C-alpha atoms as a PDB file:
ATOM      1  CA  MET A   1      -3.869  17.451   6.507  1.00  0.00           C
ATOM      2  CA  ALA A   2      -5.553  16.717   9.785  1.00  0.00           C
ATOM      3  CA  ALA A   3      -5.386  20.288  11.003  1.00  0.00           C
ATOM      4  CA  GLU A   4      -6.207  21.942   7.741  1.00  0.00           C
ATOM      5  CA  TYR A   5      -9.074  19.687   6.601  1.00  0.00           C
ATOM      6  CA  GLY A   6     -10.175  18.097   9.809  1.00  0.00           C
ATOM      7  CA  CYS A   7      -9.326  14.637   8.564  1.00  0.00           C
ATOM      8  CA  GLU A   8      -8.625  11.630  10.707  1.00  0.00           C
ATOM      9  CA  VAL A   9      -5.160  10.238   9.776  1.00  0.00           C
ATOM     10  CA  HIS A  10      -3.856   6.790  10.690  1.00  0.00           C
ATOM     11  CA  SER A  11      -0.353   5.769   9.746  1.00  0.00           C
ATOM     12  CA  PHE A  12       1.033   2.247   9.972  1.00  0.00           C
ATOM     13  CA  ASP A  13       4.665   1.244   9.973  1.00  0.00           C
ATOM     14  CA  PRO A  14       6.186  -1.711  11.865  1.00  0.00           C
ATOM     15  CA  SER A  15       9.710  -0.994  10.550  1.00  0.00           C
ATOM     16  CA  ILE A  16      10.531   2.036  12.697  1.00  0.00           C
ATOM     17  CA  ASN A  17      10.172   0.262  15.944  1.00  0.00           C
ATOM     18  CA  LYS A  18       7.715   2.713  17.660  1.00  0.00           C
ATOM     19  CA  THR A  19       4.744   1.819  19.786  1.00  0.00           C
ATOM     20  CA  ASP A  20       1.184   2.676  18.916  1.00  0.00           C
ATOM     21  CA  HIS A  21       0.493   6.283  19.915  1.00  0.00           C
ATOM     22  CA  ARG A  22      -1.688   9.299  19.298  1.00  0.00           C
ATOM     23  CA  ARG A  23       0.310  12.090  17.706  1.00  0.00           C
ATOM     24  CA  SER A  24      -2.431  14.739  17.933  1.00  0.00           C
ATOM     25  CA  ASP A  25      -6.174  15.118  18.216  1.00  0.00           C
ATOM     26  CA  LYS A  26      -6.865  13.412  14.891  1.00  0.00           C
ATOM     27  CA  VAL A  27      -3.500  11.664  14.081  1.00  0.00           C
ATOM     28  CA  TRP A  28      -2.559   8.112  15.178  1.00  0.00           C
ATOM     29  CA  PHE A  29       0.465   5.935  14.577  1.00  0.00           C
ATOM     30  CA  HIS A  30       0.098   2.134  14.600  1.00  0.00           C
ATOM     31  CA  ASN A  31       2.978  -0.288  14.877  1.00  0.00           C
ATOM     32  CA  THR A  32       1.381  -2.602  12.294  1.00  0.00           C
ATOM     33  CA  GLY A  33       2.038  -3.285   8.665  1.00  0.00           C
ATOM     34  CA  LEU A  34      -0.408  -3.789   5.810  1.00  0.00           C
ATOM     35  CA  ASP A  35      -0.336  -7.139   4.008  1.00  0.00           C
ATOM     36  CA  GLY A  36      -2.486  -9.621   2.200  1.00  0.00           C
ATOM     37  CA  GLU A  37      -2.856 -11.845   5.306  1.00  0.00           C
ATOM     38  CA  ASP A  38      -2.786 -11.555   9.057  1.00  0.00           C
ATOM     39  CA  ARG A  39       0.628 -12.798  10.185  1.00  0.00           C
ATOM     40  CA  VAL A  40       3.847 -12.042  11.990  1.00  0.00           C
ATOM     41  CA  PHE A  41       6.739 -11.256   9.729  1.00  0.00           C
ATOM     42  CA  GLN A  42      10.234 -12.134  10.992  1.00  0.00           C
ATOM     43  CA  SER A  43      13.468 -11.313   9.167  1.00  0.00           C
ATOM     44  CA  LYS A  44      16.375 -11.662  11.583  1.00  0.00           C
ATOM     45  CA  LYS A  45      18.767 -10.473   8.849  1.00  0.00           C
ATOM     46  CA  LEU A  46      17.052  -7.097   8.566  1.00  0.00           C
ATOM     47  CA  TYR A  47      15.140  -6.483  11.772  1.00  0.00           C
ATOM     48  CA  LYS A  48      15.520  -7.706  15.344  1.00  0.00           C
ATOM     49  CA  LYS A  49      11.826  -7.689  16.262  1.00  0.00           C
ATOM     50  CA  PRO A  50       8.998  -9.431  14.457  1.00  0.00           C
ATOM     51  CA  TRP A  51       6.387  -7.276  12.685  1.00  0.00           C
ATOM     52  CA  LYS A  52       2.635  -7.510  13.130  1.00  0.00           C
ATOM     53  CA  MET A  53       1.096  -7.535   9.665  1.00  0.00           C
ATOM     54  CA  ASN A  54      -2.635  -7.324   9.035  1.00  0.00           C
ATOM     55  CA  THR A  55      -5.099  -7.159   6.130  1.00  0.00           C
ATOM     56  CA  LEU A  56      -7.000  -3.905   5.534  1.00  0.00           C
ATOM     57  CA  ARG A  57     -10.175  -5.680   6.692  1.00  0.00           C
ATOM     58  CA  THR A  58      -8.520  -6.566  10.047  1.00  0.00           C
ATOM     59  CA  ILE A  59      -7.210  -3.087  10.491  1.00  0.00           C
ATOM     60  CA  ARG A  60     -10.488  -1.414   9.691  1.00  0.00           C
ATOM     61  CA  THR A  61     -12.301  -3.884  12.020  1.00  0.00           C
ATOM     62  CA  GLU A  62      -9.927  -3.117  14.918  1.00  0.00           C
ATOM     63  CA  LEU A  63     -10.420   0.612  14.353  1.00  0.00           C
ATOM     64  CA  GLY A  64     -14.221   0.245  14.052  1.00  0.00           C
ATOM     65  CA  HIS A  65     -14.033   1.668  10.516  1.00  0.00           C
ATOM     66  CA  LEU A  66     -15.724  -1.001   8.450  1.00  0.00           C
ATOM     67  CA  SER A  67     -18.646   1.283   7.581  1.00  0.00           C
ATOM     68  CA  ARG A  68     -16.582   4.432   7.203  1.00  0.00           C
ATOM     69  CA  PRO A  69     -15.425   5.471   3.744  1.00  0.00           C
ATOM     70  CA  ILE A  70     -11.732   6.162   3.168  1.00  0.00           C
ATOM     71  CA  ASP A  71     -10.939   9.438   1.336  1.00  0.00           C
ATOM     72  CA  ILE A  72      -7.270   8.612   0.674  1.00  0.00           C
ATOM     73  CA  LEU A  73      -5.531   5.293   1.234  1.00  0.00           C
ATOM     74  CA  LYS A  74      -1.717   5.778   0.712  1.00  0.00           C
ATOM     75  CA  MET A  75       0.479   2.699   0.566  1.00  0.00           C
ATOM     76  CA  ASP A  76       4.262   2.353   0.488  1.00  0.00           C
ATOM     77  CA  ILE A  77       4.505  -1.149   1.861  1.00  0.00           C
ATOM     78  CA  GLU A  78       7.702  -2.512   0.257  1.00  0.00           C
ATOM     79  CA  LYS A  79       6.337  -5.188  -2.156  1.00  0.00           C
ATOM     80  CA  SER A  80       3.506  -6.218   0.108  1.00  0.00           C
ATOM     81  CA  GLU A  81       1.165  -4.250  -2.170  1.00  0.00           C
ATOM     82  CA  TRP A  82       1.199  -7.244  -4.554  1.00  0.00           C
ATOM     83  CA  SER A  83      -0.393  -9.471  -1.875  1.00  0.00           C
ATOM     84  CA  ALA A  84      -2.436  -6.727  -0.112  1.00  0.00           C
ATOM     85  CA  LEU A  85      -4.263  -5.443  -3.209  1.00  0.00           C
ATOM     86  CA  PRO A  86      -5.816  -8.713  -4.327  1.00  0.00           C
ATOM     87  CA  ASN A  87      -6.987  -9.346  -0.788  1.00  0.00           C
ATOM     88  CA  MET A  88      -8.542  -5.797  -0.603  1.00  0.00           C
ATOM     89  CA  LEU A  89     -10.321  -6.323  -3.892  1.00  0.00           C
ATOM     90  CA  ALA A  90     -11.591  -9.809  -2.999  1.00  0.00           C
ATOM     91  CA  THR A  91     -12.960  -8.690   0.430  1.00  0.00           C
ATOM     92  CA  GLY A  92     -14.542  -5.446  -0.853  1.00  0.00           C
ATOM     93  CA  MET A  93     -12.188  -3.243   1.224  1.00  0.00           C
ATOM     94  CA  LEU A  94     -11.590  -0.897  -1.718  1.00  0.00           C
ATOM     95  CA  ASP A  95     -15.284  -0.391  -2.492  1.00  0.00           C
ATOM     96  CA  ASP A  96     -15.515   2.704  -0.450  1.00  0.00           C
ATOM     97  CA  VAL A  97     -12.030   4.080  -1.066  1.00  0.00           C
ATOM     98  CA  ARG A  98     -12.230   7.357  -2.992  1.00  0.00           C
ATOM     99  CA  GLN A  99      -8.478   7.733  -3.823  1.00  0.00           C
ATOM    100  CA  LEU A 100      -5.704   5.086  -3.726  1.00  0.00           C
ATOM    101  CA  PHE A 101      -2.061   6.132  -3.773  1.00  0.00           C
ATOM    102  CA  VAL A 102       0.392   3.302  -4.212  1.00  0.00           C
ATOM    103  CA  GLU A 103       4.105   3.005  -4.507  1.00  0.00           C
ATOM    104  CA  PHE A 104       4.601  -0.087  -6.630  1.00  0.00           C
ATOM    105  CA  HIS A 105       7.847  -1.966  -6.157  1.00  0.00           C
ATOM    106  CA  TRP A 106       9.166  -3.982  -9.095  1.00  0.00           C
ATOM    107  CA  GLN A 107      11.937  -6.533  -8.817  1.00  0.00           C
ATOM    108  CA  VAL A 108      15.018  -6.769 -10.891  1.00  0.00           C
ATOM    109  CA  GLU A 109      14.792  -9.715 -13.279  1.00  0.00           C
ATOM    110  CA  THR A 110      11.154 -10.386 -12.272  1.00  0.00           C
ATOM    111  CA  GLN A 111       9.923 -13.754 -13.370  1.00  0.00           C
ATOM    112  CA  ARG A 112       7.401 -13.751 -16.220  1.00  0.00           C
ATOM    113  CA  PHE A 113       4.530 -15.152 -14.072  1.00  0.00           C
ATOM    114  CA  LYS A 114       4.992 -12.434 -11.437  1.00  0.00           C
ATOM    115  CA  THR A 115       4.868  -9.790 -14.178  1.00  0.00           C
ATOM    116  CA  ILE A 116       1.669 -11.291 -15.529  1.00  0.00           C
ATOM    117  CA  ARG A 117       0.197 -11.532 -11.971  1.00  0.00           C
ATOM    118  CA  ASN A 118       1.028  -7.851 -11.382  1.00  0.00           C
ATOM    119  CA  LEU A 119      -0.568  -6.816 -14.596  1.00  0.00           C
ATOM    120  CA  ILE A 120      -3.697  -8.732 -13.628  1.00  0.00           C
ATOM    121  CA  ILE A 121      -3.766  -6.893 -10.306  1.00  0.00           C
ATOM    122  CA  LEU A 122      -3.658  -3.581 -12.160  1.00  0.00           C
ATOM    123  CA  LYS A 123      -6.453  -4.766 -14.470  1.00  0.00           C
ATOM    124  CA  ASP A 124      -8.484  -5.736 -11.446  1.00  0.00           C
ATOM    125  CA  LEU A 125      -8.091  -2.250  -9.960  1.00  0.00           C
ATOM    126  CA  TYR A 126      -9.300  -0.768 -13.269  1.00  0.00           C
ATOM    127  CA  ASP A 127     -12.331  -3.160 -13.275  1.00  0.00           C
ATOM    128  CA  ALA A 128     -13.090  -2.051  -9.723  1.00  0.00           C
ATOM    129  CA  GLY A 129     -13.368   1.565 -10.961  1.00  0.00           C
ATOM    130  CA  PHE A 130      -9.889   2.918 -10.225  1.00  0.00           C
ATOM    131  CA  ARG A 131      -8.356   5.200 -12.787  1.00  0.00           C
ATOM    132  CA  ILE A 132      -4.766   6.547 -12.786  1.00  0.00           C
ATOM    133  CA  PHE A 133      -4.514  10.304 -12.507  1.00  0.00           C
ATOM    134  CA  TYR A 134      -0.825  10.721 -11.512  1.00  0.00           C
ATOM    135  CA  THR A 135       2.406   8.710 -11.891  1.00  0.00           C
ATOM    136  CA  ASN A 136       5.935   9.388 -10.822  1.00  0.00           C
ATOM    137  CA  LYS A 137       9.219   7.416 -11.138  1.00  0.00           C
ATOM    138  CA  ASN A 138      11.029   7.110  -7.848  1.00  0.00           C
ATOM    139  CA  SER A 139      14.492   8.008  -9.133  1.00  0.00           C
ATOM    140  CA  GLY A 140      16.035   7.008  -5.825  1.00  0.00           C
ATOM    141  CA  THR A 141      15.596   3.386  -6.839  1.00  0.00           C
ATOM    142  CA  ALA A 142      17.301   3.616 -10.247  1.00  0.00           C
ATOM    143  CA  TYR A 143      19.703   0.862 -11.265  1.00  0.00           C
ATOM    144  CA  LYS A 144      21.594  -0.137 -14.472  1.00  0.00           C
ATOM    145  CA  PHE A 145      19.929  -3.085 -16.086  1.00  0.00           C
ATOM    146  CA  ASN A 146      22.794  -5.217 -17.373  1.00  0.00           C
ATOM    147  CA  LYS A 147      20.809  -7.079 -19.998  1.00  0.00           C
ATOM    148  CA  PHE A 148      20.248  -3.966 -22.048  1.00  0.00           C
ATOM    149  CA  PHE A 149      22.675  -1.459 -20.462  1.00  0.00           C
ATOM    150  CA  LYS A 150      19.817   0.886 -19.661  1.00  0.00           C
ATOM    151  CA  TRP A 151      18.760   2.599 -16.416  1.00  0.00           C
ATOM    152  CA  ARG A 152      15.611   1.299 -14.867  1.00  0.00           C
ATOM    153  CA  VAL A 153      13.545   2.400 -11.867  1.00  0.00           C
ATOM    154  CA  LEU A 154      12.249  -0.100  -9.318  1.00  0.00           C
ATOM    155  CA  CYS A 155       9.490   2.020  -7.755  1.00  0.00           C
ATOM    156  CA  TYR A 156       6.628   3.959  -9.249  1.00  0.00           C
ATOM    157  CA  GLU A 157       4.140   6.096  -7.352  1.00  0.00           C
ATOM    158  CA  VAL A 158       0.717   5.624  -8.993  1.00  0.00           C
ATOM    159  CA  TYR A 159      -2.312   7.577  -7.830  1.00  0.00           C
ATOM    160  CA  PHE A 160      -5.845   6.396  -8.649  1.00  0.00           C
ATOM    161  CA  VAL A 161      -9.293   7.922  -8.309  1.00  0.00           C
ATOM    162  CA  ASN A 162     -12.323   5.746  -7.829  1.00  0.00           C
ATOM    163  CA  ILE A 163     -14.688   6.847 -10.612  1.00  0.00           C
ATOM    164  CA  LYS A 164     -17.690   5.542  -8.572  1.00  0.00           C
ATOM    165  CA  PHE A 165     -17.338   8.691  -6.516  1.00  0.00           C
ATOM    166  CA  LEU A 166     -17.069  11.172  -9.340  1.00  0.00           C
END
């Protein structure tokens, strides 16, 4: 994408244990995760090293990108989307995002209040001008739901376009 369209690309992933580096002229990697708050995440069961997690506002501030629009924001942040999106909406960090691509992660046996909270987040995205133009079930996350003996998928890729830019 960077080579073909001349876009600047920044990728963020603390789980692969790589240091920040520049991959090419317009492509950067950051050893940071996206979250709804600035914090250090530690899970000794899963990962040996703690992860630096930041809000989109902090990341954009550190990059000097607060006044630069984002053409595509793609997120696969392993359930952190449910804390990151409300923060992004509340701080106005999605106001200049043209397209938002999210992999939503659902939990097995999700509690009712979490389901309602998630639906409210989706409604808030709609109210902010985001409309779905593509969805895909991530079949790699399928499981058999014992309650109804049916197969369910835990992750859905949902792509939004911000109608304010149409």
